[in-house]
Protein backbone atom coordinates (compact mmCIF):
# COMPACT_ATOMS: atom_id res chain seq x y z
CA MET A 1 166.82 49.27 99.62
CA LYS A 2 166.21 52.64 98.02
CA LYS A 3 168.69 51.67 95.28
CA SER A 4 166.79 48.46 94.45
CA LEU A 5 163.45 50.37 94.21
CA LEU A 6 164.95 52.90 91.84
CA ILE A 7 166.26 50.13 89.54
CA LEU A 8 162.79 48.48 89.44
CA ILE A 9 161.04 51.71 88.43
CA SER A 10 163.55 52.32 85.67
CA LEU A 11 162.99 48.84 84.23
CA LEU A 12 159.21 49.38 84.16
CA VAL A 13 159.57 52.68 82.29
CA ILE A 14 161.83 51.05 79.67
CA ALA A 15 159.37 48.15 79.19
CA SER A 16 156.45 50.47 78.63
CA MET A 17 158.35 52.44 76.04
CA LEU A 18 159.24 49.23 74.15
CA MET A 19 155.57 48.15 74.10
CA ALA A 20 154.48 51.48 72.73
CA ALA A 21 157.05 51.30 69.97
CA CYS A 22 155.83 47.85 68.91
CA ALA A 23 152.08 48.86 68.73
CA PRO A 24 150.62 49.42 65.21
CA LYS A 25 150.35 53.01 64.14
CA ALA A 26 146.77 54.41 63.96
CA GLU A 27 145.74 55.41 60.47
CA PRO A 28 145.11 59.10 60.10
CA VAL A 29 141.41 60.02 60.22
CA GLU A 30 140.26 61.47 56.94
CA GLU A 31 138.67 64.80 57.26
CA ALA A 32 134.97 64.66 56.36
CA ALA A 33 134.19 66.28 53.04
CA PRO A 34 132.23 69.42 53.45
CA ALA A 35 128.49 68.66 53.03
CA GLU A 36 127.02 69.87 49.78
CA GLU A 37 124.32 72.47 50.24
CA ALA A 38 120.87 70.98 49.51
CA GLU A 39 119.13 72.47 46.55
CA PRO A 40 116.19 74.58 47.67
CA VAL A 41 112.87 72.64 47.50
CA GLU A 42 110.25 74.34 45.39
CA GLU A 43 107.12 75.02 47.39
CA ALA A 44 104.12 73.13 46.00
CA GLU A 45 101.49 75.38 44.54
CA PRO A 46 98.31 75.33 46.64
CA VAL A 47 95.76 72.87 45.22
CA GLU A 48 92.64 74.70 44.10
CA GLU A 49 89.45 73.19 45.45
CA ALA A 50 87.29 71.83 42.62
CA GLU A 51 84.25 73.96 42.09
CA PRO A 52 81.00 72.04 42.52
CA ALA A 53 79.48 70.97 39.22
CA GLU A 54 76.85 73.38 38.00
CA LYS A 55 73.34 72.10 38.54
CA VAL A 56 71.25 71.16 35.54
CA LYS A 57 68.35 73.58 35.38
CA ILE A 58 64.93 72.01 34.71
CA ARG A 59 62.10 74.44 33.95
CA TRP A 60 58.58 73.58 35.07
CA PHE A 61 55.73 75.51 33.37
CA VAL A 62 52.54 75.71 35.45
CA GLY A 63 49.28 77.18 34.15
CA LEU A 64 48.01 75.19 31.17
CA GLY A 65 45.84 73.34 33.63
CA THR A 66 45.47 73.91 37.35
CA GLY A 67 48.20 75.25 39.64
CA ALA A 68 48.60 78.94 38.83
CA ASN A 69 45.85 80.28 41.09
CA PRO A 70 47.33 82.45 43.87
CA GLU A 71 46.23 80.02 46.57
CA HIS A 72 48.11 77.18 44.82
CA ILE A 73 51.51 78.84 44.58
CA PRO A 74 52.98 78.76 48.14
CA GLY A 75 52.51 75.01 48.54
CA GLN A 76 54.12 74.28 45.18
CA GLU A 77 57.07 76.49 46.04
CA GLU A 78 57.61 74.43 49.20
CA VAL A 79 57.64 71.24 47.13
CA ILE A 80 60.23 72.75 44.79
CA ALA A 81 62.43 73.89 47.68
CA ARG A 82 62.43 70.40 49.20
CA PHE A 83 63.48 68.85 45.90
CA ASN A 84 66.32 71.32 45.36
CA GLU A 85 67.61 70.76 48.90
CA SER A 86 67.43 66.98 48.58
CA GLN A 87 70.10 66.60 45.88
CA ASP A 88 72.94 68.54 44.24
CA LYS A 89 72.63 67.91 40.51
CA ILE A 90 69.28 69.44 39.48
CA GLU A 91 67.82 72.87 40.08
CA LEU A 92 64.08 72.88 39.56
CA VAL A 93 62.71 76.30 38.62
CA VAL A 94 59.07 77.15 38.06
CA GLU A 95 57.08 79.53 35.89
CA PHE A 96 53.53 80.28 37.06
CA VAL A 97 51.37 81.64 34.22
CA GLU A 98 47.70 82.59 34.54
CA ASN A 99 45.57 79.97 32.79
CA SER A 100 44.07 82.23 30.13
CA GLN A 101 47.54 83.46 29.10
CA ALA A 102 49.41 80.17 29.39
CA PRO A 103 48.72 78.70 25.91
CA ASP A 104 49.92 81.81 24.07
CA GLN A 105 52.96 82.22 26.31
CA LEU A 106 53.94 78.59 25.78
CA LYS A 107 53.51 78.93 22.01
CA THR A 108 55.79 81.97 22.10
CA GLN A 109 58.47 80.05 23.98
CA ILE A 110 58.25 77.14 21.54
CA ALA A 111 58.48 79.44 18.52
CA ALA A 112 61.57 81.07 20.04
CA GLY A 113 63.23 77.67 20.51
CA ASP A 114 63.08 78.00 24.29
CA PRO A 115 60.31 75.73 25.57
CA PRO A 116 60.25 74.55 29.18
CA ASP A 117 61.25 71.00 30.07
CA ILE A 118 58.08 70.01 31.94
CA ILE A 119 54.48 71.19 31.83
CA GLY A 120 51.66 70.32 34.16
CA PRO A 121 49.57 69.39 35.84
CA VAL A 122 47.42 69.52 32.74
CA GLY A 123 44.59 67.53 31.23
CA GLN A 124 43.87 66.51 27.68
CA SER A 125 42.44 69.85 26.61
CA GLY A 126 45.51 71.78 27.65
CA THR A 127 47.83 69.67 25.51
CA ASN A 128 45.74 69.28 22.34
CA GLU A 129 47.43 72.23 20.64
CA PHE A 130 50.87 70.76 21.32
CA SER A 131 50.24 67.25 20.07
CA GLY A 132 53.35 65.48 18.78
CA LEU A 133 55.84 67.52 20.83
CA PHE A 134 56.14 65.32 23.92
CA LEU A 135 58.77 62.85 25.08
CA ASP A 136 58.11 59.11 25.23
CA LEU A 137 58.82 58.35 28.89
CA GLU A 138 58.95 54.58 28.69
CA PRO A 139 62.72 54.23 27.96
CA TYR A 140 63.50 56.20 31.14
CA LEU A 141 61.20 54.43 33.61
CA GLY A 142 62.77 51.00 34.04
CA GLU A 143 62.73 51.01 37.87
CA LEU A 144 59.27 52.52 38.34
CA ASP A 145 56.83 50.66 40.60
CA TRP A 146 54.21 49.97 37.96
CA ASP A 147 52.05 47.99 40.40
CA ASP A 148 51.06 51.22 42.15
CA PHE A 149 48.91 52.18 39.15
CA ASP A 150 45.88 50.61 37.56
CA ALA A 151 46.92 49.18 34.22
CA ASP A 152 44.06 50.95 32.44
CA SER A 153 45.18 54.28 33.83
CA ILE A 154 48.68 53.76 32.42
CA ASP A 155 47.32 52.81 29.01
CA ALA A 156 45.30 56.02 28.89
CA TYR A 157 48.57 57.94 28.47
CA ARG A 158 49.93 55.77 25.66
CA LEU A 159 49.27 57.25 22.25
CA GLU A 160 49.88 55.35 19.05
CA GLY A 161 53.06 56.52 17.38
CA GLU A 162 54.06 58.70 20.36
CA GLY A 163 54.54 56.28 23.26
CA LEU A 164 53.90 56.83 26.96
CA LEU A 165 53.45 60.58 27.43
CA GLY A 166 52.55 60.77 31.11
CA LEU A 167 51.97 58.93 34.37
CA PRO A 168 48.65 58.87 36.24
CA PHE A 169 48.78 61.69 38.73
CA ALA A 170 45.46 63.35 39.53
CA VAL A 171 41.94 62.17 38.81
CA PHE A 172 39.09 64.66 39.09
CA PRO A 173 35.62 63.11 38.92
CA SER A 174 32.71 65.53 38.82
CA MET A 175 29.71 65.75 41.11
CA ILE A 176 26.99 68.06 42.39
CA TYR A 177 28.22 70.33 45.18
CA TYR A 178 25.34 71.44 47.38
CA ASN A 179 24.95 74.02 50.13
CA ALA A 180 23.22 72.14 52.95
CA ASP A 181 22.24 75.34 54.76
CA LEU A 182 20.19 76.54 51.79
CA PHE A 183 18.39 73.19 51.57
CA ASP A 184 17.67 73.35 55.30
CA GLU A 185 16.35 76.89 54.98
CA ALA A 186 13.97 75.79 52.20
CA GLY A 187 12.90 72.66 54.09
CA LEU A 188 14.13 70.38 51.29
CA ALA A 189 15.84 67.02 51.58
CA TYR A 190 19.40 66.83 50.33
CA PRO A 191 20.08 65.28 46.92
CA PRO A 192 21.13 61.58 46.89
CA GLN A 193 24.72 60.46 47.43
CA THR A 194 24.56 57.01 45.83
CA TYR A 195 24.20 56.32 42.11
CA GLY A 196 20.89 54.65 41.35
CA GLU A 197 19.27 56.01 44.51
CA ALA A 198 16.00 57.95 44.24
CA TYR A 199 15.37 61.36 45.76
CA ALA A 200 13.88 61.44 49.25
CA ASP A 201 10.30 61.68 47.91
CA GLY A 202 10.75 58.55 45.80
CA ASP A 203 11.15 60.31 42.47
CA PRO A 204 14.07 59.20 40.28
CA TRP A 205 17.11 61.46 40.56
CA THR A 206 17.03 62.98 37.08
CA VAL A 207 17.87 66.31 35.48
CA ASP A 208 14.17 67.18 35.61
CA LYS A 209 14.03 66.46 39.35
CA MET A 210 17.13 68.56 39.95
CA GLU A 211 15.52 71.41 38.00
CA GLU A 212 12.43 71.13 40.20
CA LEU A 213 14.57 71.62 43.31
CA ALA A 214 16.57 74.39 41.66
CA MET A 215 13.41 76.38 40.95
CA LEU A 216 12.41 76.17 44.63
CA LEU A 217 15.91 77.17 45.70
CA THR A 218 16.05 80.24 43.42
CA VAL A 219 14.87 83.25 45.41
CA ASP A 220 14.42 86.96 44.69
CA ALA A 221 14.97 89.86 47.08
CA ASN A 222 11.36 89.64 48.26
CA GLY A 223 11.62 85.98 49.21
CA ASN A 224 9.74 84.62 46.20
CA ASP A 225 11.08 81.45 44.63
CA ALA A 226 11.22 80.89 40.87
CA THR A 227 7.93 78.99 40.85
CA SER A 228 6.03 82.03 42.13
CA GLU A 229 4.07 84.37 39.87
CA ASP A 230 5.56 87.25 41.89
CA PHE A 231 9.15 86.15 41.27
CA ASP A 232 11.40 88.99 40.00
CA PRO A 233 14.14 87.64 37.67
CA ASP A 234 15.89 91.01 37.69
CA ASN A 235 16.40 90.97 41.44
CA ILE A 236 17.56 87.46 42.29
CA VAL A 237 19.58 86.94 45.47
CA GLN A 238 19.97 83.15 45.37
CA PHE A 239 20.15 80.63 42.52
CA GLY A 240 19.27 76.97 42.52
CA TYR A 241 21.85 75.60 40.08
CA HIS A 242 25.02 76.54 38.24
CA SER A 243 27.41 74.64 35.97
CA GLN A 244 30.70 76.08 37.17
CA TRP A 245 33.90 76.71 35.25
CA THR A 246 33.49 74.63 32.11
CA ASP A 247 32.99 75.15 28.39
CA PRO A 248 29.95 74.15 26.29
CA ARG A 249 31.18 70.62 25.63
CA GLY A 250 31.69 70.24 29.36
CA GLN A 251 28.24 71.65 30.13
CA ALA A 252 26.56 69.26 27.72
CA ALA A 253 28.48 66.19 28.92
CA ALA A 254 27.93 67.08 32.58
CA LEU A 255 24.21 66.36 32.56
CA PHE A 256 23.30 64.97 29.12
CA GLY A 257 25.88 62.30 28.35
CA ALA A 258 29.14 61.96 26.46
CA ASP A 259 29.33 63.06 22.83
CA ASN A 260 31.38 65.28 20.55
CA VAL A 261 30.99 67.89 17.83
CA VAL A 262 33.09 66.01 15.27
CA ASP A 263 32.47 62.59 13.74
CA ALA A 264 34.95 59.93 12.66
CA ASP A 265 35.30 61.53 9.22
CA GLY A 266 36.14 64.97 10.58
CA ASN A 267 32.70 66.46 9.97
CA ALA A 268 31.00 68.86 12.38
CA VAL A 269 27.94 67.33 14.06
CA LEU A 270 25.57 68.02 16.94
CA SER A 271 23.47 65.22 18.40
CA GLU A 272 19.87 65.76 19.42
CA ARG A 273 20.87 65.01 23.00
CA TRP A 274 23.40 67.84 23.05
CA ARG A 275 20.99 70.14 21.24
CA THR A 276 18.55 69.43 24.06
CA ALA A 277 21.31 70.18 26.57
CA PHE A 278 22.07 73.64 25.20
CA THR A 279 18.37 74.47 24.99
CA TRP A 280 17.98 73.44 28.64
CA TYR A 281 20.88 75.64 29.74
CA TYR A 282 19.65 78.59 27.72
CA GLU A 283 16.12 78.40 29.09
CA GLY A 284 17.45 77.90 32.62
CA MET A 285 19.37 81.18 32.40
CA HIS A 286 17.07 83.42 30.40
CA GLU A 287 13.53 82.07 30.75
CA LYS A 288 13.20 80.08 33.97
CA SER A 289 16.03 81.96 35.71
CA PHE A 290 17.15 79.18 38.07
CA MET A 291 20.70 79.50 36.65
CA PRO A 292 22.75 82.73 36.65
CA ASN A 293 23.47 84.38 33.31
CA THR A 294 26.76 86.15 32.65
CA THR A 295 25.70 89.36 34.39
CA TYR A 296 24.87 87.53 37.59
CA GLN A 297 27.91 85.23 37.36
CA GLU A 298 30.27 88.20 37.32
CA SER A 299 28.48 90.16 40.03
CA ASP A 300 29.53 90.59 43.65
CA LEU A 301 26.45 88.59 44.61
CA LEU A 302 28.19 85.52 43.20
CA ALA A 303 31.72 86.36 44.37
CA ALA A 304 32.61 87.98 41.04
CA GLY A 305 33.25 84.73 39.23
CA ASN A 306 33.25 82.01 41.91
CA PRO A 307 29.49 81.55 42.22
CA PHE A 308 29.13 78.52 44.51
CA ASP A 309 31.63 79.86 47.05
CA SER A 310 29.53 83.01 47.36
CA GLY A 311 27.04 81.04 49.45
CA ASN A 312 24.24 82.09 47.11
CA ILE A 313 24.13 78.99 44.89
CA ALA A 314 22.30 75.90 46.16
CA MET A 315 23.80 73.35 43.72
CA ALA A 316 26.75 73.51 41.35
CA HIS A 317 28.22 70.93 39.05
CA CYS A 318 32.00 70.86 39.13
CA HIS A 319 35.01 68.58 39.58
CA LEU A 320 36.88 67.43 42.65
CA TRP A 321 39.54 70.07 41.99
CA TYR A 322 36.99 72.72 42.98
CA THR A 323 37.86 72.01 46.62
CA CYS A 324 40.83 74.29 45.96
CA CYS A 325 38.55 77.29 45.90
CA LEU A 326 36.00 76.61 48.63
CA GLY A 327 36.45 78.73 51.71
CA ASN A 328 33.25 80.64 52.37
CA VAL A 329 30.57 77.92 52.43
CA PRO A 330 30.96 76.12 55.75
CA ASN A 331 28.37 73.39 55.28
CA TRP A 332 28.72 71.95 51.80
CA ASP A 333 28.67 68.35 50.68
CA MET A 334 28.57 66.27 47.48
CA ALA A 335 25.71 64.57 45.65
CA VAL A 336 25.65 62.25 42.66
CA VAL A 337 25.08 63.53 39.14
CA PRO A 338 21.46 63.05 38.02
CA SER A 339 20.54 60.79 35.12
CA TYR A 340 19.60 62.37 31.81
CA ASN A 341 16.82 59.95 30.83
CA ASP A 342 14.20 57.65 32.33
CA ALA A 343 16.50 54.66 31.87
CA GLY A 344 18.77 56.06 34.57
CA ASP A 345 21.79 56.61 32.32
CA VAL A 346 24.47 58.72 33.97
CA THR A 347 27.66 60.34 32.76
CA VAL A 348 30.27 61.72 35.14
CA LYS A 349 32.61 63.90 33.17
CA LEU A 350 36.19 63.31 34.16
CA HIS A 351 39.38 65.33 34.26
CA ALA A 352 42.71 63.53 34.57
CA ASP A 353 45.83 65.65 34.93
CA THR A 354 49.47 64.71 34.59
CA PHE A 355 52.89 66.14 33.76
CA ARG A 356 54.52 65.95 30.34
CA ILE A 357 58.06 66.52 29.10
CA PHE A 358 58.86 68.18 25.81
CA ALA A 359 60.88 65.95 23.48
CA SER A 360 63.14 68.96 22.82
CA THR A 361 64.54 68.92 26.36
CA GLU A 362 68.34 68.83 26.50
CA HIS A 363 68.23 66.86 29.75
CA PRO A 364 65.67 64.06 29.41
CA GLU A 365 67.03 61.94 32.27
CA GLU A 366 66.99 64.84 34.72
CA ALA A 367 63.55 65.92 33.52
CA VAL A 368 62.20 62.41 34.06
CA GLU A 369 63.73 62.42 37.56
CA VAL A 370 61.76 65.58 38.32
CA LEU A 371 58.60 64.11 36.80
CA THR A 372 58.85 60.97 38.92
CA TYR A 373 59.39 63.15 42.00
CA LEU A 374 56.29 65.22 41.25
CA THR A 375 54.16 62.13 40.59
CA GLY A 376 55.72 60.12 43.41
CA GLU A 377 57.32 61.54 46.56
CA ALA A 378 55.70 64.97 46.18
CA ALA A 379 52.35 63.73 44.88
CA GLY A 380 50.66 63.61 48.27
CA ASP A 381 51.36 67.27 49.01
CA LEU A 382 50.59 68.45 45.48
CA LEU A 383 47.29 66.60 45.36
CA GLN A 384 46.17 68.30 48.55
CA ILE A 385 46.86 71.60 46.79
CA TYR A 386 45.11 70.70 43.53
CA GLY A 387 42.27 68.67 45.04
CA GLY A 388 42.87 65.67 42.80
CA MET A 389 42.33 62.05 43.70
CA PRO A 390 45.71 60.25 43.46
CA GLY A 391 46.45 58.12 40.45
CA ARG A 392 48.73 56.04 42.71
CA LYS A 393 46.73 53.51 44.71
CA SER A 394 49.09 53.78 47.67
CA LEU A 395 48.22 57.46 48.17
CA GLN A 396 44.43 57.39 48.03
CA ASP A 397 43.62 56.67 51.69
CA ALA A 398 46.01 59.32 52.96
CA PHE A 399 44.62 61.80 50.44
CA PHE A 400 41.11 61.62 51.86
CA VAL A 401 42.42 61.76 55.43
CA GLY A 402 44.10 65.02 54.48
CA MET A 403 40.94 66.31 52.85
CA ASP A 404 38.99 65.59 56.03
CA GLU A 405 41.50 67.64 58.00
CA THR A 406 40.78 70.59 55.71
CA PHE A 407 37.02 70.14 55.41
CA THR A 408 35.82 69.08 58.83
CA GLN A 409 32.06 69.11 58.18
CA GLY A 410 32.08 65.44 57.09
CA VAL A 411 32.15 65.39 53.29
CA ASN A 412 31.01 62.16 51.62
CA TRP A 413 34.09 61.65 49.43
CA ASP A 414 32.72 58.31 48.25
CA VAL A 415 30.52 60.25 45.82
CA GLY A 416 33.63 61.05 43.80
CA ILE A 417 34.95 57.50 43.93
CA GLN A 418 31.61 56.15 42.70
CA GLY A 419 31.69 58.56 39.79
CA LEU A 420 34.79 56.95 38.31
CA ALA A 421 32.54 54.14 37.07
CA TYR A 422 30.66 56.50 34.73
CA PRO A 423 33.33 58.43 32.75
CA ASP A 424 32.49 60.43 29.67
CA VAL A 425 33.71 58.54 26.61
CA PRO A 426 34.58 60.32 24.40
CA ASN A 427 35.97 62.82 26.84
CA HIS A 428 34.60 66.35 26.62
CA GLU A 429 38.18 67.63 26.25
CA SER A 430 39.10 65.39 23.32
CA ASN A 431 40.97 66.85 20.37
CA LEU A 432 39.28 68.58 17.43
CA PRO A 433 40.54 69.40 13.94
CA ASN A 434 42.12 72.86 13.92
CA TYR A 435 41.79 72.73 17.68
CA ALA A 436 42.62 76.28 18.76
CA LYS A 437 40.28 77.88 16.25
CA ALA A 438 37.50 75.38 16.93
CA TYR A 439 37.86 75.89 20.68
CA ASP A 440 37.61 79.66 20.29
CA ARG A 441 34.46 79.36 18.18
CA ILE A 442 32.82 77.12 20.77
CA GLY A 443 33.82 79.61 23.46
CA ALA A 444 32.26 82.46 21.50
CA PHE A 445 29.03 80.49 21.35
CA GLN A 446 29.11 80.13 25.14
CA THR A 447 29.59 83.86 25.61
CA LEU A 448 26.65 84.50 23.31
CA TYR A 449 24.11 82.16 24.86
CA GLU A 450 25.03 82.90 28.47
CA SER A 451 24.80 86.66 28.03
CA THR A 452 22.10 87.27 25.42
CA PRO A 453 18.36 86.95 26.04
CA ASP A 454 15.80 86.39 23.26
CA LEU A 455 18.11 84.28 21.09
CA ASP A 456 16.84 81.71 18.63
CA ILE A 457 19.00 79.07 20.27
CA ASN A 458 18.42 76.43 17.59
CA ALA A 459 19.43 78.85 14.84
CA GLU A 460 22.60 79.67 16.78
CA LEU A 461 23.37 75.98 17.16
CA ASP A 462 22.95 75.49 13.41
CA GLN A 463 25.34 78.38 12.81
CA LEU A 464 27.84 76.87 15.24
CA VAL A 465 27.86 73.57 13.34
CA SER A 466 28.28 75.39 10.03
CA ASP A 467 31.18 77.47 11.35
CA LEU A 468 32.89 74.44 12.86
CA GLN A 469 32.65 72.62 9.55
CA ALA A 470 34.45 75.49 7.83
CA ILE A 471 37.12 75.47 10.56
CA PHE A 472 37.62 71.71 10.25
CA ASP A 473 37.83 71.96 6.46
CA GLU A 474 40.79 74.34 6.75
CA VAL A 475 43.00 71.46 7.90
CA LYS A 476 41.64 68.64 5.75
């Protein structure tokens, strides 16, 4: 048994060896080639962040018209800050220049080849010396909402050969400001607030009627009014009337109708109506004393140059922009301008301010963007600062709501709106030949007749016409 088992095991061993010999030989495994070392990867240079594009600087020159008074500046600076924060391509910078210095400073900048981009707000008078230098805006205003303006107001800024030089922004009708407390103290009815309406006693509201009231409202230190034989013109403490902050052409147009000192042929002229006007002003200051002369105007009694706000002027003719400078008369209101003849003819001299762009600007598109901001989105705030009625129809209601918030005594703003129907044409600020020199000569005449008693006023008017003719002839 053991022998048989041994034989079987031996046979199995032999069989397994034969099977192994017959199996195919395994191919030798090739050794893997050594991996090549990877070339070092160059580190990418850090990408520099692109610097923001430099803002285009647009310079805004304020002072030819309104806007440079100290009380105007903070509000305008807020408007500028909002614009600069609202976008990233334009930086609006401002230059505030006192009004009397602004023309010369602007001329200096122009002569140096460095004028600002935008000027304003400014009326016709402030731009007369720079005629021909302004950009035609029309090619840049394709998307403007033209329906928000009266068509006539747009056309007023189109000049033949120059194009559209501005957009309606601020309208400043004129009126009679009156101090209700002084009328109450004198026991007098207030002046009328509707054109065509008579005074309370039934008399027509004329320049003569206004003078009658002004005499009663002019009082000396002893309580005598200007109609009294005891009245002391050297010791006046209250005046009945003043034509505030205007030049002779403005004074004449304010109460005696529109006219000019140059005719269509470039000759110096003076109508009888305006001659009457200057005689009336002269006598009112130096003979009847119901208007302050220069000495009184500049005195502390009359707030050293802001007479009506002193509280010692009963009536003053001025424009709507004068609301900028009223802070010390708590109970004032507005009355209509009196007529200058028995026919009831009335003239309401008008200021209309806008912004203009110099044609020399290197960035007209950006300058126009600023201009449309000032006359559009920012107009409501700016007009509250300047006291101008909006040229945009959509802003007018809100404007007067804002004015009522400032002046809570209940001002009859409709007086100003009514006045727009009686504008002075030609405007008292219209251009003159040799404008700067003519303007200075007219100003010298004003200084003379407001400060000098015992003048032969008609002789001085004749001399003014003669001098203006010589000035006009210099540029013929």
